Protein backbone atom coordinates (compact mmCIF):
# COMPACT_ATOMS: atom_id res chain seq x y z
CA MET A 1 41.60 152.65 -150.22
CA LEU A 2 42.66 151.92 -153.79
CA VAL A 3 46.27 150.89 -154.34
CA VAL A 4 47.40 151.06 -157.96
CA SER A 5 50.82 149.75 -158.99
CA THR A 6 53.07 151.84 -161.26
CA GLY A 7 52.64 151.16 -164.96
CA ARG A 8 49.20 149.57 -164.69
CA THR A 9 45.82 150.94 -165.79
CA VAL A 10 44.68 153.92 -163.78
CA VAL A 11 41.94 152.10 -161.87
CA LEU A 12 40.92 155.13 -159.87
CA ALA A 13 40.11 157.03 -163.05
CA ALA A 14 37.86 154.21 -164.19
CA VAL A 15 36.04 154.12 -160.86
CA LEU A 16 35.46 157.86 -160.93
CA ALA A 17 34.30 157.57 -164.51
CA LEU A 18 31.70 155.00 -163.56
CA MET A 19 30.52 157.24 -160.73
CA ALA A 20 30.26 160.14 -163.16
CA GLY A 21 28.45 158.11 -165.80
CA LEU A 22 31.19 158.66 -168.42
CA PRO A 23 33.29 156.29 -170.51
CA ALA A 24 36.44 155.30 -168.66
CA GLN A 25 38.72 156.65 -171.36
CA ALA A 26 37.23 160.12 -170.95
CA GLN A 27 38.94 160.43 -167.58
CA THR A 28 42.56 159.81 -168.61
CA PRO A 29 45.10 162.63 -168.17
CA TYR A 30 45.38 162.87 -171.97
CA GLU A 31 41.74 163.56 -172.75
CA PRO A 32 41.33 166.86 -174.63
CA ALA A 33 39.71 169.90 -173.04
CA PRO A 34 36.21 169.47 -174.59
CA ALA A 35 35.80 166.14 -172.82
CA ARG A 36 36.87 167.78 -169.57
CA ALA A 37 34.20 170.43 -170.07
CA ARG A 38 31.58 167.73 -170.63
CA ALA A 39 32.72 166.03 -167.40
CA ALA A 40 32.37 169.26 -165.47
CA ALA A 41 28.85 169.74 -166.82
CA ILE A 42 27.41 166.32 -165.99
CA THR A 43 29.51 164.72 -163.26
CA PRO A 44 28.21 164.62 -159.67
CA ILE A 45 31.82 164.87 -158.49
CA PRO A 46 33.42 168.35 -158.49
CA PHE A 47 35.65 168.61 -161.55
CA ASP A 48 38.45 171.16 -161.95
CA THR A 49 38.38 171.91 -165.68
CA ARG A 50 41.62 173.91 -165.57
CA ARG A 51 43.64 171.02 -164.14
CA GLY A 52 41.48 168.22 -165.49
CA VAL A 53 41.06 166.50 -162.12
CA PHE A 54 38.29 165.64 -159.73
CA SER A 55 38.69 167.70 -156.56
CA PHE A 56 36.87 169.05 -153.53
CA ALA A 57 39.56 171.69 -153.01
CA SER A 58 37.41 174.66 -154.02
CA GLN A 59 34.65 173.66 -151.61
CA LEU A 60 36.99 173.01 -148.70
CA GLU A 61 39.67 175.69 -149.09
CA ARG A 62 37.33 178.39 -147.81
CA SER A 63 37.16 176.63 -144.43
CA LEU A 64 40.78 175.59 -143.95
CA PRO A 65 42.07 179.00 -142.67
CA ALA A 66 39.53 178.72 -139.84
CA VAL A 67 41.11 175.49 -138.54
CA VAL A 68 43.76 176.13 -135.88
CA GLN A 69 46.12 174.23 -133.63
CA VAL A 70 45.51 174.58 -129.88
CA THR A 71 48.31 174.11 -127.35
CA THR A 72 47.49 173.81 -123.65
CA LEU A 73 50.15 174.71 -121.11
CA GLY A 74 50.22 173.99 -117.39
CA ARG A 75 52.39 175.06 -114.52
CA SER A 76 55.33 172.90 -113.51
CA GLU A 77 56.46 172.83 -109.87
CA GLY A 78 59.96 171.47 -110.33
CA PRO A 79 62.82 172.23 -107.92
CA ARG A 80 65.07 174.06 -110.38
CA SER A 81 64.99 177.67 -111.45
CA GLY A 82 62.65 178.16 -114.36
CA ASP A 83 60.64 175.01 -113.63
CA ASN A 84 57.61 177.10 -112.72
CA GLU A 85 57.17 178.28 -116.29
CA PRO A 86 54.08 176.87 -118.08
CA LEU A 87 54.94 173.72 -120.02
CA PRO A 88 52.96 172.10 -122.85
CA LEU A 89 50.40 169.61 -121.51
CA ALA A 90 48.42 168.80 -124.63
CA THR A 91 47.92 169.80 -128.24
CA GLY A 92 44.82 169.51 -130.32
CA SER A 93 42.83 171.30 -132.96
CA GLY A 94 40.07 173.86 -133.02
CA VAL A 95 37.94 175.84 -135.44
CA ILE A 96 36.98 179.52 -135.55
CA LEU A 97 33.22 179.82 -135.24
CA ASP A 98 32.92 183.61 -134.94
CA ALA A 99 35.71 185.61 -136.60
CA ALA A 100 34.51 189.00 -135.38
CA ALA A 101 34.59 187.91 -131.74
CA GLY A 102 37.59 185.56 -132.09
CA ILE A 103 35.59 182.56 -130.84
CA ILE A 104 37.17 179.12 -131.24
CA VAL A 105 35.55 175.80 -130.39
CA THR A 106 37.63 172.78 -129.37
CA ASN A 107 37.38 169.79 -127.01
CA ASN A 108 37.24 170.03 -123.23
CA HIS A 109 39.85 167.28 -122.96
CA VAL A 110 42.26 169.39 -125.05
CA VAL A 111 42.16 172.32 -122.59
CA GLU A 112 41.48 170.44 -119.34
CA GLY A 113 44.01 171.23 -116.60
CA GLY A 114 45.61 174.08 -118.51
CA SER A 115 46.55 177.52 -117.18
CA LYS A 116 47.56 179.05 -120.51
CA PHE A 117 46.51 178.46 -124.11
CA THR A 118 48.01 179.36 -127.46
CA VAL A 119 46.57 179.14 -130.95
CA ASP A 120 48.66 178.51 -134.07
CA MET A 121 46.91 179.65 -137.25
CA LEU A 122 47.33 178.47 -140.82
CA ASP A 123 48.96 181.77 -141.84
CA GLY A 124 51.75 181.25 -139.27
CA ARG A 125 50.52 183.55 -136.53
CA LEU A 126 50.76 182.37 -132.91
CA VAL A 127 48.43 184.11 -130.44
CA ASP A 128 47.40 183.66 -126.83
CA ALA A 129 43.85 182.48 -126.09
CA VAL A 130 41.50 182.88 -123.14
CA LEU A 131 39.29 180.02 -121.97
CA ILE A 132 35.66 181.20 -121.95
CA GLY A 133 34.22 177.96 -120.61
CA ALA A 134 34.18 174.19 -120.98
CA ASP A 135 31.58 171.47 -120.71
CA LYS A 136 32.84 168.03 -119.74
CA ALA A 137 29.52 166.32 -120.48
CA THR A 138 29.74 167.12 -124.21
CA ASP A 139 33.55 167.52 -124.36
CA ILE A 140 33.19 171.03 -125.80
CA ALA A 141 35.28 174.07 -124.83
CA VAL A 142 35.31 177.67 -126.07
CA LEU A 143 38.41 179.86 -126.42
CA ARG A 144 38.69 183.49 -127.44
CA ILE A 145 41.55 185.20 -129.25
CA GLU A 146 42.17 188.79 -130.27
CA ALA A 147 43.41 188.96 -133.86
CA THR A 148 42.51 190.59 -137.15
CA GLY A 149 41.89 189.01 -140.53
CA LEU A 150 40.32 185.84 -139.15
CA SER A 151 38.23 183.40 -141.17
CA GLN A 152 35.28 181.46 -139.83
CA VAL A 153 33.63 178.24 -140.87
CA ALA A 154 30.04 177.97 -142.12
CA VAL A 155 27.84 175.62 -140.09
CA ALA A 156 25.43 173.02 -141.50
CA ASP A 157 22.51 171.31 -139.78
CA SER A 158 23.75 167.95 -138.50
CA ASP A 159 20.17 166.68 -138.35
CA ALA A 160 20.17 166.60 -142.15
CA LEU A 161 23.08 164.12 -142.31
CA ARG A 162 22.68 160.63 -143.74
CA SER A 163 24.92 157.60 -143.54
CA GLY A 164 26.96 157.55 -146.73
CA ASP A 165 27.48 161.32 -146.94
CA LEU A 166 31.08 162.33 -147.57
CA ALA A 167 32.92 163.78 -144.57
CA PHE A 168 36.28 165.52 -144.20
CA ALA A 169 38.26 165.73 -140.94
CA VAL A 170 40.71 168.63 -140.58
CA GLY A 171 43.26 169.08 -137.82
CA TYR A 172 46.86 168.77 -136.69
CA PRO A 173 47.42 165.05 -136.01
CA LEU A 174 50.58 163.38 -134.75
CA GLY A 175 52.68 166.55 -134.78
CA LEU A 176 51.97 167.26 -138.46
CA ASP A 177 50.90 170.54 -139.98
CA GLN A 178 47.26 171.00 -140.99
CA THR A 179 45.98 167.73 -142.44
CA LEU A 180 42.76 166.83 -144.26
CA THR A 181 41.33 163.33 -144.52
CA MET A 182 38.21 162.03 -146.27
CA GLY A 183 35.66 159.37 -145.43
CA VAL A 184 31.93 158.91 -145.11
CA ILE A 185 29.36 159.26 -142.37
CA SER A 186 29.34 155.70 -141.04
CA GLY A 187 26.53 156.10 -138.51
CA LEU A 188 24.49 158.57 -136.50
CA GLY A 189 23.24 158.73 -132.92
CA ARG A 190 26.19 156.80 -131.49
CA SER A 191 26.67 156.71 -127.71
CA GLY A 192 27.87 154.43 -124.94
CA MET A 193 31.40 155.82 -124.70
CA GLY A 194 30.92 157.08 -121.13
CA ASP A 195 28.64 158.90 -118.69
CA SER A 196 28.07 161.98 -120.80
CA VAL A 197 25.67 163.71 -123.16
CA GLU A 198 26.29 161.61 -126.27
CA ASP A 199 24.73 161.60 -129.73
CA TYR A 200 27.84 161.22 -131.87
CA ILE A 201 28.40 161.23 -135.60
CA GLN A 202 30.51 158.22 -136.57
CA THR A 203 32.90 158.55 -139.51
CA ASP A 204 35.71 156.56 -141.09
CA ALA A 205 37.66 159.69 -142.05
CA ALA A 206 41.10 159.19 -140.51
CA VAL A 207 41.26 160.84 -137.07
CA ASN A 208 44.34 160.52 -134.87
CA SER A 209 45.89 162.08 -131.78
CA GLY A 210 45.96 165.84 -132.35
CA ASN A 211 42.73 165.88 -134.39
CA SER A 212 40.68 166.32 -131.21
CA GLY A 213 38.68 169.53 -131.31
CA GLY A 214 39.03 169.95 -135.06
CA PRO A 215 36.10 170.18 -137.45
CA LEU A 216 34.30 167.49 -139.38
CA LEU A 217 33.18 169.10 -142.64
CA ASP A 218 30.68 168.11 -145.31
CA SER A 219 31.54 168.14 -149.02
CA LEU A 220 30.65 171.85 -149.22
CA GLY A 221 33.16 172.68 -146.50
CA ARG A 222 30.52 173.34 -143.84
CA LEU A 223 30.96 172.34 -140.19
CA ILE A 224 28.86 169.33 -139.24
CA GLY A 225 30.66 168.22 -136.07
CA ILE A 226 33.66 168.51 -133.74
CA ASN A 227 35.98 165.49 -133.76
CA THR A 228 36.29 164.18 -130.22
CA SER A 229 37.36 160.53 -129.97
CA ILE A 230 38.28 157.33 -131.79
CA LEU A 231 37.57 153.67 -131.14
CA SER A 232 40.74 151.63 -131.53
CA GLY A 233 41.25 147.89 -131.62
CA GLY A 234 44.09 148.09 -129.12
CA GLY A 235 46.99 149.38 -131.18
CA GLY A 236 46.20 152.98 -130.31
CA GLY A 237 45.99 154.12 -133.93
CA ASN A 238 43.17 154.86 -136.33
CA ASP A 239 40.94 151.89 -137.11
CA GLY A 240 38.39 153.81 -139.18
CA ILE A 241 35.96 154.50 -136.32
CA ALA A 242 35.89 158.09 -135.11
CA PHE A 243 33.24 160.15 -133.36
CA ALA A 244 32.25 163.80 -133.60
CA VAL A 245 29.89 165.97 -131.54
CA PRO A 246 27.15 167.05 -134.01
CA SER A 247 26.72 170.73 -134.80
CA ARG A 248 23.21 170.65 -133.28
CA ILE A 249 24.67 169.98 -129.83
CA MET A 250 27.82 172.02 -130.35
CA LEU A 251 25.93 175.24 -131.18
CA TYR A 252 23.77 175.00 -128.06
CA VAL A 253 26.74 174.34 -125.78
CA VAL A 254 28.84 177.12 -127.31
CA GLY A 255 25.95 179.55 -126.90
CA GLN A 256 25.59 178.62 -123.22
CA LEU A 257 29.32 178.88 -122.56
CA ARG A 258 29.53 182.27 -124.23
CA GLU A 259 26.56 183.63 -122.30
CA PHE A 260 27.05 182.05 -118.88
CA GLY A 261 30.52 180.47 -118.84
CA GLU A 262 28.81 177.13 -118.15
CA VAL A 263 26.00 175.01 -119.56
CA ARG A 264 22.74 175.44 -117.69
CA ARG A 265 20.64 172.36 -118.22
CA GLY A 266 17.11 171.63 -117.23
CA SER A 267 15.95 168.38 -115.67
CA THR A 268 13.04 165.98 -115.90
CA GLY A 269 13.39 163.93 -112.73
CA ALA A 270 14.00 160.75 -114.72
CA ILE A 271 17.22 158.75 -114.98
CA PHE A 272 17.69 156.71 -118.13
CA GLY A 273 19.76 153.64 -118.88
CA SER A 274 20.47 152.00 -122.22
CA LEU A 275 18.53 148.98 -123.38
CA ASN A 276 20.84 146.09 -124.22
CA ALA A 277 20.41 142.38 -124.84
CA GLU A 278 20.74 141.45 -121.18
CA ARG A 279 18.17 143.99 -120.01
CA ALA A 280 15.88 143.12 -122.89
CA ARG A 281 15.85 139.48 -121.76
CA THR A 282 15.20 140.52 -118.15
CA LEU A 283 12.27 142.71 -119.24
CA GLY A 284 10.94 140.12 -121.70
CA LEU A 285 11.48 142.35 -124.73
CA SER A 286 12.32 141.45 -128.32
CA ILE A 287 14.10 144.77 -129.07
CA VAL A 288 17.54 146.02 -128.03
CA ARG A 289 17.30 149.69 -129.07
CA GLY A 290 15.84 152.24 -126.71
CA ALA A 291 16.29 153.88 -123.31
CA VAL A 292 15.04 152.33 -120.08
CA VAL A 293 13.54 154.53 -117.37
CA ASP A 294 15.66 153.51 -114.37
CA ASP A 295 14.15 155.90 -111.86
CA VAL A 296 11.55 158.68 -111.58
CA ALA A 297 11.73 161.33 -108.87
CA PRO A 298 8.52 161.97 -106.97
CA GLY A 299 6.87 165.26 -107.89
CA SER A 300 8.97 165.63 -111.03
CA SER A 301 7.87 166.38 -114.58
CA ALA A 302 8.69 162.79 -115.51
CA GLU A 303 6.19 161.59 -112.91
CA ALA A 304 3.65 164.15 -114.20
CA ALA A 305 4.17 162.74 -117.71
CA GLY A 306 3.20 159.31 -116.35
CA LEU A 307 6.60 157.66 -116.80
CA GLN A 308 7.37 154.66 -114.61
CA ARG A 309 10.42 152.54 -113.90
CA ASN A 310 11.20 150.09 -116.76
CA ASP A 311 9.28 152.06 -119.40
CA ILE A 312 11.19 151.88 -122.72
CA ILE A 313 11.59 155.20 -124.57
CA THR A 314 11.68 154.56 -128.34
CA ARG A 315 11.28 158.09 -129.76
CA ILE A 316 11.84 161.61 -128.42
CA GLN A 317 10.94 164.75 -130.39
CA ASN A 318 10.18 162.42 -133.30
CA ARG A 319 13.79 161.23 -133.27
CA PRO A 320 14.47 157.48 -132.90
CA VAL A 321 16.11 156.53 -129.61
CA ALA A 322 19.08 154.20 -129.95
CA ASN A 323 19.99 154.23 -126.26
CA ALA A 324 20.11 156.47 -123.21
CA GLY A 325 22.56 158.82 -124.93
CA SER A 326 19.88 159.81 -127.46
CA VAL A 327 17.53 160.89 -124.68
CA ARG A 328 20.23 162.62 -122.63
CA ALA A 329 21.41 164.57 -125.66
CA THR A 330 17.90 165.82 -126.49
CA ILE A 331 17.12 166.80 -122.90
CA GLY A 332 20.63 168.18 -122.43
CA ILE A 333 20.16 170.85 -125.11
CA ALA A 334 16.50 171.60 -124.43
CA ALA A 335 15.69 174.91 -122.75
CA PRO A 336 13.84 174.76 -119.42
CA GLY A 337 10.13 174.77 -120.17
CA ALA A 338 10.51 172.87 -123.46
CA ARG A 339 7.94 170.13 -124.05
CA LEU A 340 9.35 166.97 -125.59
CA PRO A 341 6.98 164.43 -127.21
CA LEU A 342 7.82 160.86 -126.18
CA VAL A 343 6.88 157.43 -127.51
CA TYR A 344 7.44 154.59 -125.06
CA LEU A 345 6.63 150.95 -124.47
CA ARG A 346 5.00 149.60 -121.33
CA GLY A 347 3.96 145.98 -121.07
CA GLY A 348 4.57 145.57 -124.80
CA HIS A 349 2.13 148.35 -125.72
CA GLU A 350 3.14 151.65 -127.32
CA GLN A 351 2.08 154.83 -125.54
CA THR A 352 2.75 158.55 -125.97
CA THR A 353 3.23 161.44 -123.58
CA VAL A 354 4.87 164.85 -123.35
CA LEU A 355 7.86 165.37 -121.06
CA GLN A 356 8.49 168.93 -119.88
CA VAL A 357 12.01 170.09 -119.11
CA GLU A 358 12.10 171.84 -115.75
CA VAL A 359 14.41 174.44 -114.31
CA THR A 360 16.78 172.61 -111.99
CA GLY A 361 15.60 173.28 -108.46
CA PRO A 362 17.80 174.70 -105.71
CA ASP A 363 17.53 171.49 -103.65
CA PRO A 364 19.59 168.75 -105.33
CA VAL A 365 18.16 166.06 -103.01
CA VAL A 366 14.68 164.63 -103.62
CA LEU A 367 13.33 161.95 -101.24
CA GLY A 368 10.52 159.72 -102.41
CA ALA A 369 8.69 156.80 -100.85
CA ALA A 370 11.13 154.22 -102.19
CA ALA A 371 14.03 156.16 -103.70
CA VAL A 372 16.28 159.20 -103.45
CA GLN A 373 17.58 161.28 -106.32
CA ALA A 374 20.59 163.50 -105.66
CA TYR A 375 23.25 165.13 -107.85
CA GLY A 376 22.16 163.07 -110.87
CA ALA A 377 22.16 159.67 -109.14
CA GLY A 378 19.33 157.44 -107.97
CA PHE A 379 19.48 155.47 -104.70
CA ARG A 380 17.29 152.81 -103.07
CA ASN A 381 17.41 150.65 -99.96
CA LEU A 382 19.32 147.39 -100.14
CA ARG A 383 17.38 144.19 -100.71
CA PRO A 384 18.24 140.60 -99.74
CA GLY A 385 19.04 139.71 -103.34
CA ASP A 386 21.68 142.46 -103.62
CA GLY A 387 24.24 140.30 -101.84
CA VAL A 388 25.42 143.00 -99.41
CA THR A 389 25.56 142.16 -95.72
CA GLN A 390 26.27 145.59 -94.20
CA ASP A 391 24.11 148.68 -93.98
CA GLY A 392 23.98 151.09 -96.90
CA VAL A 393 21.99 152.17 -99.94
CA LEU A 394 22.41 151.05 -103.54
CA VAL A 395 23.19 153.42 -106.42
CA THR A 396 20.65 152.36 -109.04
CA ALA A 397 21.50 154.77 -111.87
CA VAL A 398 23.76 157.71 -112.70
CA GLU A 399 22.65 160.35 -115.18
CA GLY A 400 25.14 161.21 -117.92
CA GLY A 401 26.81 164.60 -117.52
CA SER A 402 25.68 164.95 -113.90
CA ILE A 403 27.82 165.80 -110.88
CA ALA A 404 27.63 162.16 -109.78
CA ALA A 405 28.83 160.96 -113.19
CA MET A 406 31.70 163.42 -113.30
CA GLN A 407 32.87 162.35 -109.86
CA GLN A 408 32.86 158.69 -111.01
CA LEU A 409 29.96 157.43 -108.90
CA ARG A 410 28.64 154.29 -110.58
CA ALA A 411 25.46 152.27 -110.67
CA GLY A 412 26.00 149.27 -108.38
CA ASP A 413 28.01 151.21 -105.80
CA VAL A 414 26.79 150.86 -102.21
CA VAL A 415 26.93 154.07 -100.16
CA THR A 416 27.74 153.30 -96.52
CA ALA A 417 28.49 156.81 -95.21
CA VAL A 418 28.21 160.50 -96.03
CA GLY A 419 31.23 162.10 -94.41
CA ASP A 420 31.22 160.74 -90.85
CA VAL A 421 27.51 159.88 -90.89
CA ALA A 422 26.71 156.20 -91.35
CA VAL A 423 23.98 155.49 -93.90
CA ALA A 424 21.47 152.74 -93.16
CA ASP A 425 18.60 153.66 -95.51
CA ILE A 426 17.42 156.30 -97.97
CA GLN A 427 16.05 158.48 -95.18
CA THR A 428 19.42 158.81 -93.45
CA LEU A 429 21.11 159.30 -96.83
CA ALA A 430 18.78 162.16 -97.80
CA ALA A 431 19.16 163.82 -94.40
CA ALA A 432 22.97 163.59 -94.48
CA LEU A 433 23.19 164.93 -98.03
CA SER A 434 20.85 167.84 -97.28
CA ALA A 435 22.70 168.74 -94.05
CA ALA A 436 26.16 168.84 -95.66
CA THR A 437 27.49 172.40 -96.08
CA ASP A 438 31.26 172.47 -96.66
CA GLY A 439 31.45 169.50 -99.05
CA ILE A 440 30.16 165.99 -99.51
CA SER A 441 32.30 162.88 -99.49
CA LEU A 442 30.79 159.43 -99.89
CA THR A 443 32.16 156.15 -98.65
CA VAL A 444 31.14 153.47 -101.12
CA LEU A 445 31.63 149.75 -101.51
CA ARG A 446 32.73 148.84 -105.04
CA ASP A 447 33.68 145.26 -105.89
CA GLY A 448 34.03 144.54 -102.17
CA GLU A 449 36.48 147.40 -101.57
CA ALA A 450 35.75 150.67 -99.73
CA GLU A 451 36.42 153.88 -101.67
CA THR A 452 35.93 157.58 -100.96
CA ILE A 453 34.30 159.81 -103.56
CA ALA A 454 34.35 163.60 -103.22
CA LEU A 455 30.87 164.24 -104.61
CA VAL A 456 30.90 168.00 -103.91
CA GLY A 457 34.07 169.94 -103.10
């Protein structure tokens, strides 16, 4: 940010002049109209000839009426009269994607736990909204309102983004009215923020509490992502690192939620973990970007594609793989039956294959010779080196966005029981999981302490 003291040379004008390829003096407020016209003709920065200023207002103003404030209300159960009325739980932002149908996209964490939703529009109208569906794995939710005269935002292809592109975040942060901030695309393909389907756009446009669910726009005012989270150094405020769900993922999820009320994802039978420095050293690798195949279910499409444990996926659908989030995101928005080209490393040698996305089978439990896959988690028998003295099975991996991930099961947990049935090996685990009818609760050892996880309600 440029800070210019009163009475000194207008440094910002000089910087913009250099960017526009013009003499610095041509950008002063006193330059006559012909010079302004020349600036408008040759500058790469939008120039408002009437006001004599550089501005993106004309490009962005078309989208601003489509940005709304979302308030989530929940039911209080207090002892006094009137305490059962819905009370505000959270506020955030949203953007109208389909004006004719009144469709608004926001974040799942903005609407989570709510029983009533209201939408405050830029023109001052306040209307009730209905929740169509939400997807925790991508943090996307869809609301519908009934109102006339709505505006909608145009959508751009997030795959065309490049680091250094200008980006504008719009929303209702910190209790303020609609607010617009500017930055650049700082990075692409970011993940590692949790067990979810992640392939985030990173930006330094200021995003704060209340911006969640609002749009990230390009310099033409088109939607490129949905702002979802920030990375803070500990103070809780904006540190210039914010993340947005790209439009490529958002459009698929919104389409699924509108059609089915949920996201129906295919599967491959493989569980992926992120390659990091520690794992790279263990595997004898000299790279730290990629996704590690942690487990492959027997009889799955991943096994048919020839994938094996510890293979390193480096590209999927000709897209570079930064970590497991890149792979999960691509599979997570691929229709069942889609064939995804893969490039992977095995033993230091590059190989290629095609991974087909399967329709998720009715049986969530698959027992192999040495492993079990169930509800998005992989399990194996304990080994002497695991440091566990009692019977149980080890959770080896948890797939992002899966039931296991959403119920907080973690890699490294040791499952000792399913309900009242003690688990000694993968065979007893698979049998107990398959036999459960009314719900599944797991007893797990985590950091030496026993915990209960309600895997299926």
